[in-house]
Amino acid sequence: MSGRSSGVPGAIAMLSLAQSQHGKLAWNSLFGDAEKLADDGFKVSPRLAGMIVGRFPRPAPRTRWPISPTPTGPA
């Protein structure tokens, strides 16, 4: 799995069920670090920041922002 992975509803429940029925290690020992990162976040390194900026360039600045989400009038 990687940062490009995605899950479906029930994926964590399936992993929990499989671990409870067949696992030998405690759930926390398997996913404790991932839970901590999800809860607390992490500091982005300069290298990762550069990779993100290079992958997702900033959009051109706009001089006016529309107030209405539709171009012809209010929502």
PDB file of N, CA and C in Angstrom:
ATOM      1  N   MET A   1       0.842  -1.172   0.000  1.00  0.00           N
ATOM      2  CA  MET A   1       0.000   0.000   0.000  1.00  0.00           C
ATOM      3  C   MET A   1       0.889   1.238   0.000  1.00  0.00           C
ATOM      4  N   SER A   2       0.354   2.311  -0.534  1.00  0.00           N
ATOM      5  CA  SER A   2       1.104   3.561  -0.599  1.00  0.00           C
ATOM      6  C   SER A   2       0.153   4.723  -0.409  1.00  0.00           C
ATOM      7  N   GLY A   3       0.687   5.935  -0.554  1.00  0.00           N
ATOM      8  CA  GLY A   3      -0.138   7.126  -0.480  1.00  0.00           C
ATOM      9  C   GLY A   3      -1.146   7.211  -1.595  1.00  0.00           C
ATOM     10  N   ARG A   4      -0.958   6.417  -2.631  1.00  0.00           N
ATOM     11  CA  ARG A   4      -1.912   6.401  -3.747  1.00  0.00           C
ATOM     12  C   ARG A   4      -3.000   5.346  -3.561  1.00  0.00           C
ATOM     13  N   SER A   5      -2.917   4.609  -2.481  1.00  0.00           N
ATOM     14  CA  SER A   5      -3.911   3.571  -2.222  1.00  0.00           C
ATOM     15  C   SER A   5      -5.231   4.193  -1.801  1.00  0.00           C
ATOM     16  N   SER A   6      -6.273   3.475  -2.041  1.00  0.00           N
ATOM     17  CA  SER A   6      -7.582   3.931  -1.576  1.00  0.00           C
ATOM     18  C   SER A   6      -8.281   2.752  -0.907  1.00  0.00           C
ATOM     19  N   GLY A   7      -9.220   3.087  -0.076  1.00  0.00           N
ATOM     20  CA  GLY A   7      -9.970   2.047   0.606  1.00  0.00           C
ATOM     21  C   GLY A   7     -11.425   2.116   0.223  1.00  0.00           C
ATOM     22  N   VAL A   8     -12.145   1.124   0.597  1.00  0.00           N
ATOM     23  CA  VAL A   8     -13.587   1.090   0.359  1.00  0.00           C
ATOM     24  C   VAL A   8     -14.269   0.993   1.716  1.00  0.00           C
ATOM     25  N   PRO A   9     -15.542   1.374   1.798  1.00  0.00           N
ATOM     26  CA  PRO A   9     -16.242   1.229   3.075  1.00  0.00           C
ATOM     27  C   PRO A   9     -16.144  -0.212   3.576  1.00  0.00           C
ATOM     28  N   GLY A  10     -15.767  -0.342   4.806  1.00  0.00           N
ATOM     29  CA  GLY A  10     -15.649  -1.670   5.395  1.00  0.00           C
ATOM     30  C   GLY A  10     -14.249  -2.256   5.348  1.00  0.00           C
ATOM     31  N   ALA A  11     -13.305  -1.592   4.702  1.00  0.00           N
ATOM     32  CA  ALA A  11     -11.957  -2.156   4.578  1.00  0.00           C
ATOM     33  C   ALA A  11     -11.296  -2.324   5.946  1.00  0.00           C
ATOM     34  N   ILE A  12     -11.406  -1.312   6.802  1.00  0.00           N
ATOM     35  CA  ILE A  12     -10.794  -1.409   8.131  1.00  0.00           C
ATOM     36  C   ILE A  12     -11.512  -2.462   8.970  1.00  0.00           C
ATOM     37  N   ALA A  13     -12.834  -2.536   8.847  1.00  0.00           N
ATOM     38  CA  ALA A  13     -13.588  -3.562   9.572  1.00  0.00           C
ATOM     39  C   ALA A  13     -13.159  -4.958   9.120  1.00  0.00           C
ATOM     40  N   MET A  14     -12.907  -5.128   7.830  1.00  0.00           N
ATOM     41  CA  MET A  14     -12.455  -6.422   7.313  1.00  0.00           C
ATOM     42  C   MET A  14     -11.083  -6.767   7.873  1.00  0.00           C
ATOM     43  N   LEU A  15     -10.183  -5.777   7.908  1.00  0.00           N
ATOM     44  CA  LEU A  15      -8.858  -6.029   8.465  1.00  0.00           C
ATOM     45  C   LEU A  15      -8.951  -6.385   9.948  1.00  0.00           C
ATOM     46  N   SER A  16      -9.813  -5.699  10.669  1.00  0.00           N
ATOM     47  CA  SER A  16     -10.001  -5.975  12.092  1.00  0.00           C
ATOM     48  C   SER A  16     -10.538  -7.384  12.311  1.00  0.00           C
ATOM     49  N   LEU A  17     -11.503  -7.779  11.507  1.00  0.00           N
ATOM     50  CA  LEU A  17     -12.071  -9.123  11.622  1.00  0.00           C
ATOM     51  C   LEU A  17     -11.016 -10.188  11.321  1.00  0.00           C
ATOM     52  N   ALA A  18     -10.267  -9.995  10.245  1.00  0.00           N
ATOM     53  CA  ALA A  18      -9.226 -10.963   9.889  1.00  0.00           C
ATOM     54  C   ALA A  18      -8.171 -11.052  10.990  1.00  0.00           C
ATOM     55  N   GLN A  19      -7.796  -9.896  11.537  1.00  0.00           N
ATOM     56  CA  GLN A  19      -6.793  -9.888  12.601  1.00  0.00           C
ATOM     57  C   GLN A  19      -7.320 -10.562  13.860  1.00  0.00           C
ATOM     58  N   SER A  20      -8.583 -10.306  14.208  1.00  0.00           N
ATOM     59  CA  SER A  20      -9.132 -10.897  15.437  1.00  0.00           C
ATOM     60  C   SER A  20      -9.284 -12.411  15.315  1.00  0.00           C
ATOM     61  N   GLN A  21      -9.540 -12.906  14.115  1.00  0.00           N
ATOM     62  CA  GLN A  21      -9.738 -14.345  13.934  1.00  0.00           C
ATOM     63  C   GLN A  21      -8.439 -15.099  13.651  1.00  0.00           C
ATOM     64  N   HIS A  22      -7.488 -14.436  12.999  1.00  0.00           N
ATOM     65  CA  HIS A  22      -6.296 -15.159  12.556  1.00  0.00           C
ATOM     66  C   HIS A  22      -4.980 -14.518  12.980  1.00  0.00           C
ATOM     67  N   GLY A  23      -5.046 -13.297  13.489  1.00  0.00           N
ATOM     68  CA  GLY A  23      -3.820 -12.572  13.805  1.00  0.00           C
ATOM     69  C   GLY A  23      -3.149 -13.036  15.079  1.00  0.00           C
ATOM     70  N   LYS A  24      -1.845 -12.859  15.122  1.00  0.00           N
ATOM     71  CA  LYS A  24      -1.076 -13.221  16.305  1.00  0.00           C
ATOM     72  C   LYS A  24      -0.557 -11.992  17.032  1.00  0.00           C
ATOM     73  N   LEU A  25      -0.551 -10.847  16.360  1.00  0.00           N
ATOM     74  CA  LEU A  25      -0.077  -9.606  16.962  1.00  0.00           C
ATOM     75  C   LEU A  25      -1.258  -8.736  17.354  1.00  0.00           C
ATOM     76  N   ALA A  26      -1.039  -7.891  18.342  1.00  0.00           N
ATOM     77  CA  ALA A  26      -2.092  -6.974  18.784  1.00  0.00           C
ATOM     78  C   ALA A  26      -2.348  -5.922  17.709  1.00  0.00           C
ATOM     79  N   TRP A  27      -3.602  -5.493  17.601  1.00  0.00           N
ATOM     80  CA  TRP A  27      -4.003  -4.484  16.608  1.00  0.00           C
ATOM     81  C   TRP A  27      -3.124  -3.240  16.731  1.00  0.00           C
ATOM     82  N   ASN A  28      -2.888  -2.795  17.963  1.00  0.00           N
ATOM     83  CA  ASN A  28      -2.101  -1.587  18.170  1.00  0.00           C
ATOM     84  C   ASN A  28      -0.671  -1.742  17.658  1.00  0.00           C
ATOM     85  N   SER A  29      -0.115  -2.933  17.758  1.00  0.00           N
ATOM     86  CA  SER A  29       1.246  -3.130  17.258  1.00  0.00           C
ATOM     87  C   SER A  29       1.284  -3.093  15.733  1.00  0.00           C
ATOM     88  N   LEU A  30       0.161  -3.376  15.103  1.00  0.00           N
ATOM     89  CA  LEU A  30       0.092  -3.349  13.640  1.00  0.00           C
ATOM     90  C   LEU A  30      -0.204  -1.951  13.101  1.00  0.00           C
ATOM     91  N   PHE A  31      -1.113  -1.236  13.754  1.00  0.00           N
ATOM     92  CA  PHE A  31      -1.599   0.030  13.208  1.00  0.00           C
ATOM     93  C   PHE A  31      -1.414   1.223  14.136  1.00  0.00           C
ATOM     94  N   GLY A  32      -0.748   1.038  15.263  1.00  0.00           N
ATOM     95  CA  GLY A  32      -0.562   2.128  16.217  1.00  0.00           C
ATOM     96  C   GLY A  32       0.164   3.322  15.620  1.00  0.00           C
ATOM     97  N   ASP A  33       1.242   3.063  14.872  1.00  0.00           N
ATOM     98  CA  ASP A  33       1.992   4.166  14.260  1.00  0.00           C
ATOM     99  C   ASP A  33       1.143   4.913  13.235  1.00  0.00           C
ATOM    100  N   ALA A  34       0.376   4.180  12.438  1.00  0.00           N
ATOM    101  CA  ALA A  34      -0.485   4.815  11.429  1.00  0.00           C
ATOM    102  C   ALA A  34      -1.576   5.647  12.095  1.00  0.00           C
ATOM    103  N   GLU A  35      -2.139   5.138  13.183  1.00  0.00           N
ATOM    104  CA  GLU A  35      -3.166   5.894  13.911  1.00  0.00           C
ATOM    105  C   GLU A  35      -2.585   7.184  14.484  1.00  0.00           C
ATOM    106  N   LYS A  36      -1.367   7.114  15.011  1.00  0.00           N
ATOM    107  CA  LYS A  36      -0.726   8.306  15.573  1.00  0.00           C
ATOM    108  C   LYS A  36      -0.489   9.346  14.480  1.00  0.00           C
ATOM    109  N   LEU A  37       0.000   8.922  13.326  1.00  0.00           N
ATOM    110  CA  LEU A  37       0.207   9.858  12.217  1.00  0.00           C
ATOM    111  C   LEU A  37      -1.106  10.469  11.755  1.00  0.00           C
ATOM    112  N   ALA A  38      -2.154   9.671  11.693  1.00  0.00           N
ATOM    113  CA  ALA A  38      -3.460  10.180  11.262  1.00  0.00           C
ATOM    114  C   ALA A  38      -4.009  11.189  12.263  1.00  0.00           C
ATOM    115  N   ASP A  39      -3.819  10.932  13.547  1.00  0.00           N
ATOM    116  CA  ASP A  39      -4.333  11.835  14.583  1.00  0.00           C
ATOM    117  C   ASP A  39      -3.484  13.093  14.738  1.00  0.00           C
ATOM    118  N   ASP A  40      -2.159  12.923  14.748  1.00  0.00           N
ATOM    119  CA  ASP A  40      -1.254  14.026  15.082  1.00  0.00           C
ATOM    120  C   ASP A  40      -0.651  14.721  13.870  1.00  0.00           C
ATOM    121  N   GLY A  41      -0.703  14.074  12.708  1.00  0.00           N
ATOM    122  CA  GLY A  41      -0.047  14.646  11.532  1.00  0.00           C
ATOM    123  C   GLY A  41       1.461  14.448  11.603  1.00  0.00           C
ATOM    124  N   PHE A  42       2.178  15.042  10.656  1.00  0.00           N
ATOM    125  CA  PHE A  42       3.624  14.924  10.639  1.00  0.00           C
ATOM    126  C   PHE A  42       4.209  16.132   9.927  1.00  0.00           C
ATOM    127  N   LYS A  43       5.457  16.417  10.237  1.00  0.00           N
ATOM    128  CA  LYS A  43       6.152  17.536   9.628  1.00  0.00           C
ATOM    129  C   LYS A  43       6.575  17.129   8.216  1.00  0.00           C
ATOM    130  N   VAL A  44       6.288  17.987   7.269  1.00  0.00           N
ATOM    131  CA  VAL A  44       6.644  17.715   5.879  1.00  0.00           C
ATOM    132  C   VAL A  44       8.092  18.130   5.658  1.00  0.00           C
ATOM    133  N   SER A  45       8.890  17.226   5.122  1.00  0.00           N
ATOM    134  CA  SER A  45      10.293  17.533   4.855  1.00  0.00           C
ATOM    135  C   SER A  45      10.397  18.456   3.642  1.00  0.00           C
ATOM    136  N   PRO A  46      11.497  19.194   3.527  1.00  0.00           N
ATOM    137  CA  PRO A  46      11.675  20.037   2.335  1.00  0.00           C
ATOM    138  C   PRO A  46      11.606  19.221   1.039  1.00  0.00           C
ATOM    139  N   ARG A  47      12.131  18.012   1.066  1.00  0.00           N
ATOM    140  CA  ARG A  47      12.098  17.169  -0.138  1.00  0.00           C
ATOM    141  C   ARG A  47      10.663  16.826  -0.530  1.00  0.00           C
ATOM    142  N   LEU A  48       9.857  16.397   0.448  1.00  0.00           N
ATOM    143  CA  LEU A  48       8.461  16.062   0.166  1.00  0.00           C
ATOM    144  C   LEU A  48       7.695  17.297  -0.284  1.00  0.00           C
ATOM    145  N   ALA A  49       7.940  18.429   0.372  1.00  0.00           N
ATOM    146  CA  ALA A  49       7.264  19.671  -0.024  1.00  0.00           C
ATOM    147  C   ALA A  49       7.580  20.013  -1.475  1.00  0.00           C
ATOM    148  N   GLY A  50       8.841  19.857  -1.878  1.00  0.00           N
ATOM    149  CA  GLY A  50       9.222  20.126  -3.263  1.00  0.00           C
ATOM    150  C   GLY A  50       8.555  19.174  -4.238  1.00  0.00           C
ATOM    151  N   MET A  51       8.425  17.914  -3.843  1.00  0.00           N
ATOM    152  CA  MET A  51       7.765  16.938  -4.714  1.00  0.00           C
ATOM    153  C   MET A  51       6.289  17.277  -4.876  1.00  0.00           C
ATOM    154  N   ILE A  52       5.648  17.723  -3.800  1.00  0.00           N
ATOM    155  CA  ILE A  52       4.228  18.076  -3.868  1.00  0.00           C
ATOM    156  C   ILE A  52       4.035  19.299  -4.748  1.00  0.00           C
ATOM    157  N   VAL A  53       4.863  20.315  -4.541  1.00  0.00           N
ATOM    158  CA  VAL A  53       4.749  21.536  -5.340  1.00  0.00           C
ATOM    159  C   VAL A  53       4.988  21.223  -6.813  1.00  0.00           C
ATOM    160  N   GLY A  54       5.961  20.358  -7.103  1.00  0.00           N
ATOM    161  CA  GLY A  54       6.240  20.001  -8.492  1.00  0.00           C
ATOM    162  C   GLY A  54       5.119  19.203  -9.139  1.00  0.00           C
ATOM    163  N   ARG A  55       4.415  18.436  -8.348  1.00  0.00           N
ATOM    164  CA  ARG A  55       3.340  17.588  -8.870  1.00  0.00           C
ATOM    165  C   ARG A  55       2.036  18.354  -9.049  1.00  0.00           C
ATOM    166  N   PHE A  56       1.807  19.325  -8.188  1.00  0.00           N
ATOM    167  CA  PHE A  56       0.564  20.089  -8.213  1.00  0.00           C
ATOM    168  C   PHE A  56       0.884  21.575  -8.303  1.00  0.00           C
ATOM    169  N   PRO A  57       1.143  22.063  -9.504  1.00  0.00           N
ATOM    170  CA  PRO A  57       1.475  23.488  -9.628  1.00  0.00           C
ATOM    171  C   PRO A  57       0.305  24.372  -9.216  1.00  0.00           C
ATOM    172  N   ARG A  58       0.643  25.554  -8.742  1.00  0.00           N
ATOM    173  CA  ARG A  58      -0.390  26.492  -8.311  1.00  0.00           C
ATOM    174  C   ARG A  58      -1.153  27.016  -9.516  1.00  0.00           C
ATOM    175  N   PRO A  59      -2.449  27.212  -9.363  1.00  0.00           N
ATOM    176  CA  PRO A  59      -3.222  27.797 -10.464  1.00  0.00           C
ATOM    177  C   PRO A  59      -2.858  29.269 -10.636  1.00  0.00           C
ATOM    178  N   ALA A  60      -3.126  29.784 -11.813  1.00  0.00           N
ATOM    179  CA  ALA A  60      -2.861  31.198 -12.075  1.00  0.00           C
ATOM    180  C   ALA A  60      -3.709  32.044 -11.136  1.00  0.00           C
ATOM    181  N   PRO A  61      -3.140  33.137 -10.631  1.00  0.00           N
ATOM    182  CA  PRO A  61      -3.934  33.978  -9.730  1.00  0.00           C
ATOM    183  C   PRO A  61      -5.109  34.614 -10.454  1.00  0.00           C
ATOM    184  N   ARG A  62      -6.191  34.781  -9.738  1.00  0.00           N
ATOM    185  CA  ARG A  62      -7.389  35.407 -10.305  1.00  0.00           C
ATOM    186  C   ARG A  62      -7.508  36.813  -9.747  1.00  0.00           C
ATOM    187  N   THR A  63      -7.922  37.732 -10.581  1.00  0.00           N
ATOM    188  CA  THR A  63      -8.104  39.095 -10.101  1.00  0.00           C
ATOM    189  C   THR A  63      -9.484  39.265  -9.487  1.00  0.00           C
ATOM    190  N   ARG A  64     -10.452  38.487  -9.937  1.00  0.00           N
ATOM    191  CA  ARG A  64     -11.808  38.538  -9.392  1.00  0.00           C
ATOM    192  C   ARG A  64     -12.273  37.130  -9.089  1.00  0.00           C
ATOM    193  N   TRP A  65     -12.900  36.978  -7.974  1.00  0.00           N
ATOM    194  CA  TRP A  65     -13.486  35.697  -7.633  1.00  0.00           C
ATOM    195  C   TRP A  65     -14.996  35.827  -7.730  1.00  0.00           C
ATOM    196  N   PRO A  66     -15.645  34.874  -8.359  1.00  0.00           N
ATOM    197  CA  PRO A  66     -17.102  34.954  -8.461  1.00  0.00           C
ATOM    198  C   PRO A  66     -17.752  34.785  -7.089  1.00  0.00           C
ATOM    199  N   ILE A  67     -18.770  35.555  -6.846  1.00  0.00           N
ATOM    200  CA  ILE A  67     -19.521  35.427  -5.595  1.00  0.00           C
ATOM    201  C   ILE A  67     -20.510  34.278  -5.717  1.00  0.00           C
ATOM    202  N   SER A  68     -21.065  34.132  -6.887  1.00  0.00           N
ATOM    203  CA  SER A  68     -22.048  33.085  -7.138  1.00  0.00           C
ATOM    204  C   SER A  68     -21.355  31.859  -7.718  1.00  0.00           C
ATOM    205  N   PRO A  69     -21.771  30.656  -7.317  1.00  0.00           N
ATOM    206  CA  PRO A  69     -21.171  29.464  -7.906  1.00  0.00           C
ATOM    207  C   PRO A  69     -21.582  29.245  -9.359  1.00  0.00           C
ATOM    208  N   THR A  70     -22.609  29.943  -9.803  1.00  0.00           N
ATOM    209  CA  THR A  70     -23.023  29.824 -11.200  1.00  0.00           C
ATOM    210  C   THR A  70     -22.693  31.127 -11.919  1.00  0.00           C
ATOM    211  N   PRO A  71     -22.258  31.064 -13.165  1.00  0.00           N
ATOM    212  CA  PRO A  71     -21.844  32.287 -13.854  1.00  0.00           C
ATOM    213  C   PRO A  71     -22.996  33.227 -14.205  1.00  0.00           C
ATOM    214  N   THR A  72     -24.221  32.749 -14.161  1.00  0.00           N
ATOM    215  CA  THR A  72     -25.338  33.592 -14.600  1.00  0.00           C
ATOM    216  C   THR A  72     -26.128  34.212 -13.465  1.00  0.00           C
ATOM    217  N   GLY A  73     -25.819  33.918 -12.245  1.00  0.00           N
ATOM    218  CA  GLY A  73     -26.574  34.524 -11.158  1.00  0.00           C
ATOM    219  C   GLY A  73     -26.445  33.771  -9.863  1.00  0.00           C
ATOM    220  N   PRO A  74     -27.189  34.183  -8.857  1.00  0.00           N
ATOM    221  CA  PRO A  74     -27.070  33.547  -7.542  1.00  0.00           C
ATOM    222  C   PRO A  74     -27.561  32.104  -7.540  1.00  0.00           C
ATOM    223  N   ALA A  75     -27.058  31.377  -6.591  1.00  0.00           N
ATOM    224  CA  ALA A  75     -27.447  29.965  -6.471  1.00  0.00           C
ATOM    225  C   ALA A  75     -28.837  29.855  -5.900  1.00  0.00           C
TER     226      ALA A  75
END
